[in-house]
N, C-alpha and C. Protein backbone atom coordinates (compact mmCIF):
# COMPACT_ATOMS: atom_id res chain seq x y z
N MET A 1 -116.54 -21.80 12.03
CA MET A 1 -115.64 -22.61 12.84
C MET A 1 -114.46 -23.12 12.00
N SER A 2 -114.74 -23.45 10.72
CA SER A 2 -113.70 -23.94 9.84
C SER A 2 -112.62 -22.87 9.63
N PHE A 3 -113.03 -21.60 9.56
CA PHE A 3 -112.09 -20.51 9.38
C PHE A 3 -111.12 -20.44 10.56
N VAL A 4 -111.61 -20.64 11.77
CA VAL A 4 -110.77 -20.59 12.97
C VAL A 4 -109.76 -21.73 12.94
N LYS A 5 -110.20 -22.93 12.53
CA LYS A 5 -109.28 -24.07 12.46
C LYS A 5 -108.18 -23.81 11.42
N ASN A 6 -108.58 -23.29 10.26
CA ASN A 6 -107.60 -23.01 9.21
C ASN A 6 -106.60 -21.93 9.65
N ALA A 7 -107.09 -20.91 10.33
CA ALA A 7 -106.21 -19.86 10.80
C ALA A 7 -105.23 -20.39 11.84
N ALA A 8 -105.73 -21.22 12.75
CA ALA A 8 -104.86 -21.80 13.78
C ALA A 8 -103.81 -22.72 13.16
N ALA A 9 -104.24 -23.55 12.21
CA ALA A 9 -103.30 -24.46 11.55
C ALA A 9 -102.25 -23.67 10.77
N GLY A 10 -102.66 -22.61 10.10
CA GLY A 10 -101.72 -21.78 9.36
C GLY A 10 -100.71 -21.11 10.27
N ALA A 11 -101.17 -20.66 11.43
CA ALA A 11 -100.26 -20.01 12.38
C ALA A 11 -99.23 -21.01 12.91
N VAL A 12 -99.67 -22.22 13.20
CA VAL A 12 -98.76 -23.24 13.71
C VAL A 12 -97.73 -23.62 12.65
N LEU A 13 -98.19 -23.88 11.43
CA LEU A 13 -97.26 -24.26 10.36
C LEU A 13 -96.32 -23.11 10.00
N GLY A 14 -96.85 -21.90 9.93
CA GLY A 14 -96.00 -20.75 9.63
C GLY A 14 -94.96 -20.52 10.70
N GLY A 15 -95.35 -20.67 11.95
CA GLY A 15 -94.41 -20.51 13.05
C GLY A 15 -93.33 -21.57 13.03
N SER A 16 -93.69 -22.80 12.67
CA SER A 16 -92.69 -23.87 12.64
C SER A 16 -91.69 -23.64 11.50
N VAL A 17 -92.16 -23.11 10.38
CA VAL A 17 -91.24 -22.81 9.27
C VAL A 17 -90.27 -21.72 9.68
N LEU A 18 -90.76 -20.68 10.33
CA LEU A 18 -89.88 -19.60 10.78
C LEU A 18 -88.90 -20.11 11.83
N PHE A 19 -89.36 -21.00 12.70
CA PHE A 19 -88.49 -21.53 13.74
C PHE A 19 -87.36 -22.36 13.13
N THR A 20 -87.68 -23.26 12.19
CA THR A 20 -86.64 -24.10 11.60
C THR A 20 -85.70 -23.29 10.72
N ALA A 21 -86.18 -22.25 10.06
CA ALA A 21 -85.30 -21.40 9.26
C ALA A 21 -84.33 -20.65 10.16
N GLY A 22 -84.78 -20.27 11.33
CA GLY A 22 -83.93 -19.57 12.28
C GLY A 22 -82.83 -20.45 12.84
N LEU A 23 -83.08 -21.75 12.93
CA LEU A 23 -82.05 -22.66 13.45
C LEU A 23 -80.83 -22.70 12.55
N GLY A 24 -81.04 -22.65 11.25
CA GLY A 24 -79.91 -22.65 10.32
C GLY A 24 -79.04 -21.43 10.49
N VAL A 25 -79.63 -20.30 10.73
CA VAL A 25 -78.87 -19.07 10.93
C VAL A 25 -78.18 -19.08 12.28
N ALA A 26 -78.86 -19.60 13.31
CA ALA A 26 -78.29 -19.60 14.65
C ALA A 26 -77.09 -20.53 14.76
N ASN A 27 -77.04 -21.58 13.96
CA ASN A 27 -75.94 -22.54 14.04
C ASN A 27 -74.79 -22.20 13.11
N ALA A 28 -74.86 -21.08 12.42
CA ALA A 28 -73.77 -20.69 11.53
C ALA A 28 -72.51 -20.42 12.33
N GLN A 29 -71.39 -20.90 11.82
CA GLN A 29 -70.13 -20.74 12.53
C GLN A 29 -69.42 -19.49 12.05
N PRO A 30 -68.72 -18.79 12.95
CA PRO A 30 -67.99 -17.60 12.53
C PRO A 30 -66.82 -17.98 11.62
N VAL A 31 -66.40 -17.04 10.85
CA VAL A 31 -65.27 -17.26 9.94
C VAL A 31 -64.00 -17.38 10.77
N GLU A 32 -63.25 -18.46 10.52
CA GLU A 32 -61.99 -18.64 11.22
C GLU A 32 -60.89 -17.92 10.44
N THR A 33 -60.07 -17.20 11.16
CA THR A 33 -58.98 -16.49 10.49
C THR A 33 -57.73 -17.36 10.52
N THR A 34 -57.05 -17.41 9.40
CA THR A 34 -55.79 -18.14 9.33
C THR A 34 -54.69 -17.14 9.00
N PRO A 35 -53.57 -17.23 9.69
CA PRO A 35 -52.47 -16.30 9.43
C PRO A 35 -51.98 -16.43 7.98
N ASP A 36 -51.99 -15.31 7.27
CA ASP A 36 -51.51 -15.31 5.89
C ASP A 36 -50.48 -14.21 5.66
N GLY A 37 -50.11 -13.49 6.73
CA GLY A 37 -49.12 -12.44 6.61
C GLY A 37 -49.66 -11.13 6.08
N LEU A 38 -50.99 -11.02 5.95
CA LEU A 38 -51.59 -9.80 5.41
C LEU A 38 -52.57 -9.20 6.41
N VAL A 39 -52.60 -7.87 6.48
CA VAL A 39 -53.53 -7.16 7.37
C VAL A 39 -54.08 -5.94 6.63
N ASN A 40 -55.07 -5.30 7.23
CA ASN A 40 -55.64 -4.05 6.72
C ASN A 40 -55.27 -2.92 7.67
N ILE A 41 -55.18 -1.71 7.14
CA ILE A 41 -54.98 -0.52 7.95
C ILE A 41 -56.20 0.37 7.76
N ALA A 42 -56.79 0.80 8.87
CA ALA A 42 -57.96 1.66 8.81
C ALA A 42 -57.77 2.86 9.72
N VAL A 43 -58.29 3.99 9.30
CA VAL A 43 -58.34 5.19 10.13
C VAL A 43 -59.82 5.48 10.34
N GLY A 44 -60.25 5.37 11.59
CA GLY A 44 -61.68 5.52 11.87
C GLY A 44 -62.43 4.37 11.22
N ASP A 45 -63.44 4.69 10.42
CA ASP A 45 -64.23 3.68 9.73
C ASP A 45 -63.78 3.44 8.29
N THR A 46 -62.68 4.06 7.89
CA THR A 46 -62.23 3.99 6.50
C THR A 46 -60.98 3.13 6.39
N THR A 47 -61.04 2.09 5.57
CA THR A 47 -59.87 1.26 5.30
C THR A 47 -59.01 1.98 4.28
N ILE A 48 -57.74 2.23 4.66
CA ILE A 48 -56.86 2.96 3.74
C ILE A 48 -55.93 2.01 2.98
N LEU A 49 -55.57 0.89 3.57
CA LEU A 49 -54.78 -0.14 2.88
C LEU A 49 -55.40 -1.49 3.21
N GLN A 50 -55.56 -2.32 2.18
CA GLN A 50 -56.23 -3.61 2.37
C GLN A 50 -55.33 -4.74 1.88
N GLY A 51 -55.14 -5.75 2.72
CA GLY A 51 -54.37 -6.91 2.33
C GLY A 51 -52.91 -6.64 2.07
N VAL A 52 -52.27 -5.86 2.95
CA VAL A 52 -50.85 -5.56 2.79
C VAL A 52 -50.04 -6.45 3.73
N PRO A 53 -48.80 -6.76 3.36
CA PRO A 53 -47.95 -7.55 4.25
C PRO A 53 -47.74 -6.84 5.59
N THR A 54 -47.51 -7.63 6.64
CA THR A 54 -47.37 -7.06 7.98
C THR A 54 -46.20 -6.08 8.05
N ASP A 55 -45.11 -6.34 7.33
CA ASP A 55 -43.96 -5.43 7.34
C ASP A 55 -44.32 -4.07 6.74
N ALA A 56 -45.04 -4.08 5.62
CA ALA A 56 -45.45 -2.83 4.98
C ALA A 56 -46.46 -2.09 5.86
N ALA A 57 -47.35 -2.85 6.49
CA ALA A 57 -48.33 -2.23 7.39
C ALA A 57 -47.63 -1.59 8.57
N ALA A 58 -46.60 -2.25 9.10
CA ALA A 58 -45.86 -1.71 10.23
C ALA A 58 -45.13 -0.43 9.84
N ALA A 59 -44.52 -0.42 8.66
CA ALA A 59 -43.80 0.77 8.21
C ALA A 59 -44.77 1.94 8.00
N THR A 60 -45.92 1.65 7.38
CA THR A 60 -46.90 2.71 7.11
C THR A 60 -47.50 3.25 8.40
N ALA A 61 -47.94 2.34 9.26
CA ALA A 61 -48.56 2.77 10.52
C ALA A 61 -47.53 3.47 11.41
N GLY A 62 -46.30 2.98 11.40
CA GLY A 62 -45.25 3.63 12.18
C GLY A 62 -44.99 5.05 11.71
N ALA A 63 -45.01 5.26 10.39
CA ALA A 63 -44.79 6.60 9.85
C ALA A 63 -45.95 7.53 10.19
N LEU A 64 -47.18 7.02 10.11
CA LEU A 64 -48.34 7.86 10.41
C LEU A 64 -48.46 8.19 11.89
N CYS A 65 -48.02 7.27 12.74
CA CYS A 65 -48.19 7.45 14.19
C CYS A 65 -46.90 7.85 14.90
N ALA A 66 -45.81 8.00 14.16
CA ALA A 66 -44.51 8.31 14.75
C ALA A 66 -44.13 7.26 15.79
N SER A 67 -44.30 5.99 15.42
CA SER A 67 -43.96 4.86 16.29
C SER A 67 -42.83 4.06 15.64
N ALA A 68 -42.15 3.28 16.45
CA ALA A 68 -41.09 2.42 15.93
C ALA A 68 -41.72 1.28 15.13
N PRO A 69 -41.27 1.06 13.89
CA PRO A 69 -41.85 -0.01 13.08
C PRO A 69 -41.77 -1.39 13.73
N GLU A 70 -40.74 -1.61 14.55
CA GLU A 70 -40.61 -2.91 15.23
C GLU A 70 -41.78 -3.15 16.18
N ASP A 71 -42.18 -2.09 16.90
CA ASP A 71 -43.31 -2.22 17.82
C ASP A 71 -44.62 -2.46 17.06
N VAL A 72 -44.79 -1.74 15.97
CA VAL A 72 -46.01 -1.88 15.18
C VAL A 72 -46.03 -3.23 14.48
N ASN A 73 -44.86 -3.73 14.09
CA ASN A 73 -44.79 -5.04 13.44
C ASN A 73 -45.27 -6.13 14.39
N ALA A 74 -44.94 -6.02 15.67
CA ALA A 74 -45.43 -7.00 16.65
C ALA A 74 -46.95 -6.96 16.73
N LEU A 75 -47.53 -5.76 16.70
CA LEU A 75 -49.00 -5.65 16.70
C LEU A 75 -49.59 -6.25 15.43
N ALA A 76 -48.96 -5.98 14.28
CA ALA A 76 -49.47 -6.49 13.01
C ALA A 76 -49.45 -8.01 12.97
N GLU A 77 -48.38 -8.61 13.49
CA GLU A 77 -48.31 -10.07 13.53
C GLU A 77 -49.34 -10.65 14.49
N GLN A 78 -49.62 -9.95 15.58
CA GLN A 78 -50.65 -10.39 16.51
C GLN A 78 -52.03 -10.33 15.85
N VAL A 79 -52.30 -9.28 15.11
CA VAL A 79 -53.57 -9.16 14.39
C VAL A 79 -53.71 -10.30 13.39
N ASP A 80 -52.64 -10.58 12.66
CA ASP A 80 -52.68 -11.64 11.65
C ASP A 80 -52.89 -13.01 12.28
N ALA A 81 -52.26 -13.26 13.42
CA ALA A 81 -52.37 -14.56 14.07
C ALA A 81 -53.70 -14.75 14.80
N ASP A 82 -54.14 -13.73 15.55
CA ASP A 82 -55.33 -13.86 16.40
C ASP A 82 -56.60 -13.35 15.74
N GLY A 83 -56.48 -12.44 14.80
CA GLY A 83 -57.66 -11.85 14.18
C GLY A 83 -58.31 -10.75 14.99
N THR A 84 -57.64 -10.31 16.07
CA THR A 84 -58.20 -9.23 16.89
C THR A 84 -57.66 -7.89 16.41
N ASP A 85 -58.53 -6.90 16.34
CA ASP A 85 -58.12 -5.56 15.92
C ASP A 85 -57.21 -4.93 16.98
N GLN A 86 -56.24 -4.16 16.52
CA GLN A 86 -55.32 -3.47 17.43
C GLN A 86 -55.25 -2.00 17.05
N THR A 87 -55.31 -1.14 18.05
CA THR A 87 -55.15 0.30 17.84
C THR A 87 -53.68 0.65 17.91
N VAL A 88 -53.16 1.27 16.85
CA VAL A 88 -51.75 1.67 16.82
C VAL A 88 -51.60 3.02 17.49
N CYS A 89 -52.46 3.97 17.13
CA CYS A 89 -52.44 5.29 17.77
C CYS A 89 -53.82 5.93 17.67
N ALA A 90 -54.06 6.84 18.59
CA ALA A 90 -55.34 7.55 18.63
C ALA A 90 -55.10 9.03 18.38
N GLY A 91 -56.16 9.74 18.05
CA GLY A 91 -56.07 11.18 17.91
C GLY A 91 -55.77 11.68 16.52
N LEU A 92 -55.77 10.82 15.52
CA LEU A 92 -55.60 11.30 14.15
C LEU A 92 -56.88 12.03 13.73
N PRO A 93 -56.79 12.95 12.76
CA PRO A 93 -57.99 13.71 12.36
C PRO A 93 -59.17 12.84 11.92
N GLY A 94 -58.91 11.69 11.31
CA GLY A 94 -60.00 10.82 10.85
C GLY A 94 -60.45 9.81 11.88
N GLY A 95 -59.71 9.68 12.97
CA GLY A 95 -60.03 8.69 14.00
C GLY A 95 -58.80 7.90 14.38
N ASP A 96 -59.00 6.82 15.11
CA ASP A 96 -57.89 5.97 15.54
C ASP A 96 -57.35 5.16 14.36
N LEU A 97 -56.03 4.93 14.35
CA LEU A 97 -55.43 4.08 13.33
C LEU A 97 -55.46 2.65 13.86
N MET A 98 -56.13 1.78 13.10
CA MET A 98 -56.33 0.39 13.53
C MET A 98 -55.70 -0.57 12.53
N LEU A 99 -55.18 -1.66 13.05
CA LEU A 99 -54.76 -2.79 12.23
C LEU A 99 -55.84 -3.85 12.39
N THR A 100 -56.36 -4.36 11.26
CA THR A 100 -57.42 -5.36 11.30
C THR A 100 -57.05 -6.55 10.43
N GLN A 101 -57.67 -7.68 10.69
CA GLN A 101 -57.45 -8.89 9.89
C GLN A 101 -58.06 -8.69 8.51
N ASN A 102 -57.43 -9.26 7.51
CA ASN A 102 -57.88 -9.07 6.12
C ASN A 102 -58.82 -10.20 5.70
N VAL A 103 -60.02 -10.22 6.24
CA VAL A 103 -61.02 -11.20 5.84
C VAL A 103 -61.83 -10.56 4.72
N SER A 104 -61.96 -11.28 3.61
CA SER A 104 -62.69 -10.69 2.49
C SER A 104 -64.17 -10.62 2.79
N ALA A 105 -64.89 -9.75 2.11
CA ALA A 105 -66.32 -9.56 2.32
C ALA A 105 -67.09 -10.83 1.97
N GLU A 106 -66.62 -11.61 0.98
CA GLU A 106 -67.32 -12.83 0.61
C GLU A 106 -67.25 -13.85 1.74
N MET A 107 -66.13 -13.90 2.46
CA MET A 107 -66.01 -14.85 3.55
C MET A 107 -66.81 -14.41 4.76
N GLU A 108 -66.94 -13.11 4.97
CA GLU A 108 -67.68 -12.62 6.13
C GLU A 108 -69.16 -12.91 6.01
N GLN A 109 -69.74 -12.73 4.82
CA GLN A 109 -71.16 -12.91 4.63
C GLN A 109 -71.39 -13.78 3.41
N PRO A 110 -71.45 -15.12 3.60
CA PRO A 110 -71.69 -15.99 2.46
C PRO A 110 -73.09 -15.76 1.91
N GLU A 111 -73.27 -16.04 0.63
CA GLU A 111 -74.57 -15.83 0.00
C GLU A 111 -75.60 -16.75 0.61
N ALA A 112 -76.77 -16.21 0.92
CA ALA A 112 -77.84 -16.99 1.53
C ALA A 112 -78.41 -17.98 0.53
N GLY A 113 -78.40 -17.68 -0.74
CA GLY A 113 -79.00 -18.55 -1.74
C GLY A 113 -78.05 -19.58 -2.30
N ALA A 114 -76.82 -19.65 -1.83
CA ALA A 114 -75.85 -20.58 -2.39
C ALA A 114 -76.30 -22.03 -2.22
N ALA A 115 -76.79 -22.40 -1.05
CA ALA A 115 -77.25 -23.77 -0.81
C ALA A 115 -78.53 -24.04 -1.59
N ASP A 116 -79.41 -23.06 -1.70
CA ASP A 116 -80.67 -23.24 -2.41
C ASP A 116 -80.42 -23.43 -3.90
N ASP A 117 -79.48 -22.68 -4.48
CA ASP A 117 -79.19 -22.80 -5.90
C ASP A 117 -78.67 -24.19 -6.23
N ALA A 118 -77.80 -24.72 -5.38
CA ALA A 118 -77.23 -26.04 -5.63
C ALA A 118 -78.33 -27.10 -5.56
N GLY A 119 -79.24 -26.97 -4.64
CA GLY A 119 -80.33 -27.94 -4.51
C GLY A 119 -81.28 -27.88 -5.68
N GLN A 120 -81.51 -26.72 -6.27
CA GLN A 120 -82.42 -26.59 -7.39
C GLN A 120 -81.81 -27.16 -8.66
N GLU A 121 -80.50 -27.02 -8.83
CA GLU A 121 -79.86 -27.54 -10.03
C GLU A 121 -79.89 -29.06 -10.04
N ALA A 122 -79.69 -29.68 -8.87
CA ALA A 122 -79.65 -31.13 -8.80
C ALA A 122 -81.04 -31.73 -9.00
N GLY A 123 -82.10 -31.00 -8.60
CA GLY A 123 -83.46 -31.54 -8.64
C GLY A 123 -84.13 -31.22 -9.86
């Protein structure tokens, strides 16, 4: 009978630990994008230019897609301001040419152990 009580207590405590750990992940806020005048250019799943000024991105994308740089510049500025990806042209051999916001990988996925490390050093 003692084994059943221990197993039940372990299941309850283990479940509560998993539940509270999940709350921290569920309440994580998305990364906010701030306009910095820089965007990325990608063809398909491959980033070909990263963190370039919107004017340079417009000139490059315009040359690759045979579009007017002024039109592409408007898309680049929209990507920089809103953070939404924009397709400049479709049908390139590698895929669609996209303008994306230049959020660094460190900002997208912060280290899970960063808060734990700080707590261990203080204690």
